[in-house]
């Protein structure tokens, strides 16, 4: 596996776990994500202010 696929796998696992924790209910999941947005507002804003990468690293 490459670093890129490892990251994608981790994101997928996280999304599956979060959906399971919300009993696969979209409204519950969205509510939980909104709570996390408030909790991590500073980190989210810092990420959003980063310059966008314009290239994709290929192997």
N, C-alpha and C. Protein backbone atom coordinates (compact mmCIF):
# COMPACT_ATOMS: atom_id res chain seq x y z
N UNK A 1 0.84 -1.19 0.00
CA UNK A 1 0.00 0.00 0.00
C UNK A 1 0.87 1.25 0.00
N UNK A 2 0.33 2.28 -0.56
CA UNK A 2 1.04 3.55 -0.57
C UNK A 2 0.52 4.42 0.56
N UNK A 3 1.23 5.50 0.83
CA UNK A 3 0.78 6.43 1.86
C UNK A 3 -0.60 6.98 1.52
N UNK A 4 -0.83 7.23 0.24
CA UNK A 4 -2.11 7.79 -0.18
C UNK A 4 -3.25 6.80 0.08
N UNK A 5 -3.07 5.54 -0.25
CA UNK A 5 -4.14 4.57 -0.01
C UNK A 5 -4.32 4.32 1.48
N UNK A 6 -3.24 4.41 2.26
CA UNK A 6 -3.37 4.28 3.71
C UNK A 6 -4.25 5.39 4.28
N UNK A 7 -4.05 6.59 3.79
CA UNK A 7 -4.85 7.73 4.26
C UNK A 7 -6.31 7.54 3.85
N UNK A 8 -6.54 7.15 2.61
CA UNK A 8 -7.91 6.93 2.15
C UNK A 8 -8.60 5.83 2.94
N UNK A 9 -7.88 4.76 3.23
CA UNK A 9 -8.44 3.68 4.03
C UNK A 9 -8.81 4.18 5.43
N UNK A 10 -7.96 5.00 6.02
CA UNK A 10 -8.24 5.54 7.35
C UNK A 10 -9.49 6.43 7.32
N UNK A 11 -9.63 7.23 6.27
CA UNK A 11 -10.81 8.09 6.14
C UNK A 11 -12.06 7.23 5.99
N UNK A 12 -11.99 6.22 5.17
CA UNK A 12 -13.15 5.33 4.98
C UNK A 12 -13.55 4.65 6.29
N UNK A 13 -12.56 4.15 7.02
CA UNK A 13 -12.84 3.49 8.30
C UNK A 13 -13.49 4.46 9.27
N UNK A 14 -13.00 5.69 9.28
CA UNK A 14 -13.56 6.70 10.17
C UNK A 14 -15.02 7.01 9.80
N UNK A 15 -15.29 7.14 8.52
CA UNK A 15 -16.65 7.42 8.08
C UNK A 15 -17.59 6.28 8.41
N UNK A 16 -17.13 5.05 8.24
CA UNK A 16 -17.94 3.88 8.59
C UNK A 16 -18.24 3.86 10.09
N UNK A 17 -17.20 4.13 10.89
CA UNK A 17 -17.37 4.14 12.36
C UNK A 17 -18.36 5.22 12.78
N UNK A 18 -18.21 6.41 12.22
CA UNK A 18 -19.11 7.52 12.58
C UNK A 18 -20.55 7.21 12.20
N UNK A 19 -20.75 6.60 11.03
CA UNK A 19 -22.09 6.23 10.61
C UNK A 19 -22.68 5.18 11.55
N UNK A 20 -21.87 4.20 11.91
CA UNK A 20 -22.32 3.16 12.83
C UNK A 20 -22.71 3.76 14.18
N UNK A 21 -21.89 4.69 14.69
CA UNK A 21 -22.18 5.33 15.97
C UNK A 21 -23.48 6.14 15.92
N UNK A 22 -23.86 6.61 14.74
CA UNK A 22 -25.11 7.36 14.57
C UNK A 22 -26.26 6.43 14.16
N UNK A 23 -26.04 5.14 14.29
CA UNK A 23 -27.04 4.14 13.88
C UNK A 23 -27.47 4.34 12.43
N UNK A 24 -26.53 4.79 11.61
CA UNK A 24 -26.74 5.00 10.17
C UNK A 24 -27.89 5.96 9.88
N UNK A 25 -28.14 6.88 10.83
CA UNK A 25 -29.18 7.90 10.69
C UNK A 25 -28.53 9.21 10.23
N UNK A 26 -28.83 9.66 9.02
CA UNK A 26 -28.19 10.88 8.50
C UNK A 26 -28.40 12.11 9.39
N UNK A 27 -29.57 12.28 9.95
CA UNK A 27 -29.84 13.45 10.79
C UNK A 27 -28.96 13.43 12.04
N UNK A 28 -28.81 12.26 12.64
CA UNK A 28 -27.96 12.13 13.82
C UNK A 28 -26.50 12.38 13.46
N UNK A 29 -26.08 11.85 12.34
CA UNK A 29 -24.70 12.04 11.90
C UNK A 29 -24.41 13.52 11.64
N UNK A 30 -25.30 14.20 10.96
CA UNK A 30 -25.11 15.62 10.68
C UNK A 30 -25.08 16.43 11.96
N UNK A 31 -25.95 16.10 12.89
CA UNK A 31 -25.96 16.80 14.18
C UNK A 31 -24.62 16.62 14.89
N UNK A 32 -24.11 15.42 14.89
CA UNK A 32 -22.82 15.13 15.54
C UNK A 32 -21.68 15.89 14.85
N UNK A 33 -21.70 15.92 13.52
CA UNK A 33 -20.66 16.65 12.78
C UNK A 33 -20.71 18.14 13.08
N UNK A 34 -21.90 18.68 13.23
CA UNK A 34 -22.04 20.11 13.58
C UNK A 34 -21.48 20.38 14.97
N UNK A 35 -21.71 19.45 15.90
CA UNK A 35 -21.12 19.59 17.24
C UNK A 35 -19.60 19.63 17.15
N UNK A 36 -19.04 18.73 16.35
CA UNK A 36 -17.59 18.67 16.20
C UNK A 36 -17.05 19.93 15.52
N UNK A 37 -17.80 20.48 14.57
CA UNK A 37 -17.38 21.73 13.93
C UNK A 37 -17.24 22.84 14.96
N UNK A 38 -18.16 22.91 15.90
CA UNK A 38 -18.06 23.91 16.95
C UNK A 38 -16.89 23.63 17.88
N UNK A 39 -16.71 22.38 18.23
CA UNK A 39 -15.64 22.01 19.14
C UNK A 39 -14.26 22.28 18.55
N UNK A 40 -14.12 22.07 17.24
CA UNK A 40 -12.83 22.21 16.59
C UNK A 40 -12.79 23.39 15.63
N UNK A 41 -13.52 24.45 15.93
CA UNK A 41 -13.63 25.60 15.04
C UNK A 41 -12.27 26.22 14.71
N UNK A 42 -11.40 26.33 15.70
CA UNK A 42 -10.08 26.94 15.45
C UNK A 42 -9.26 26.09 14.48
N UNK A 43 -9.28 24.79 14.67
CA UNK A 43 -8.51 23.91 13.79
C UNK A 43 -9.09 23.91 12.37
N UNK A 44 -10.40 23.95 12.27
CA UNK A 44 -11.05 23.98 10.96
C UNK A 44 -10.69 25.26 10.22
N UNK A 45 -10.74 26.38 10.92
CA UNK A 45 -10.40 27.65 10.28
C UNK A 45 -8.93 27.68 9.85
N UNK A 46 -8.05 27.13 10.68
CA UNK A 46 -6.63 27.07 10.31
C UNK A 46 -6.44 26.23 9.05
N UNK A 47 -7.15 25.12 8.95
CA UNK A 47 -7.05 24.28 7.76
C UNK A 47 -7.57 25.01 6.53
N UNK A 48 -8.70 25.67 6.69
CA UNK A 48 -9.30 26.39 5.55
C UNK A 48 -8.42 27.52 5.05
N UNK A 49 -7.59 28.07 5.92
CA UNK A 49 -6.75 29.19 5.52
C UNK A 49 -5.45 28.73 4.84
N UNK A 50 -5.18 27.43 4.81
CA UNK A 50 -3.99 26.93 4.13
C UNK A 50 -4.14 27.11 2.62
N UNK A 51 -3.03 27.38 1.94
CA UNK A 51 -3.12 27.48 0.48
C UNK A 51 -3.46 26.12 -0.13
N UNK A 52 -4.26 26.14 -1.16
CA UNK A 52 -4.66 24.89 -1.82
C UNK A 52 -3.50 24.35 -2.63
N UNK A 53 -3.31 23.04 -2.58
CA UNK A 53 -2.29 22.41 -3.41
C UNK A 53 -2.81 22.33 -4.82
N UNK A 54 -1.96 22.65 -5.76
CA UNK A 54 -2.37 22.66 -7.16
C UNK A 54 -1.81 21.48 -7.94
N UNK A 55 -1.18 20.55 -7.27
CA UNK A 55 -0.61 19.41 -7.96
C UNK A 55 -0.86 18.14 -7.17
N UNK A 56 -0.80 17.05 -7.85
CA UNK A 56 -0.97 15.73 -7.22
C UNK A 56 0.32 14.97 -7.41
N UNK A 57 0.85 14.45 -6.33
CA UNK A 57 2.07 13.68 -6.40
C UNK A 57 1.76 12.30 -6.98
N UNK A 58 2.47 11.94 -8.00
CA UNK A 58 2.29 10.61 -8.59
C UNK A 58 3.53 9.78 -8.33
N UNK A 59 3.32 8.49 -8.28
CA UNK A 59 4.46 7.60 -8.03
C UNK A 59 4.88 6.90 -9.28
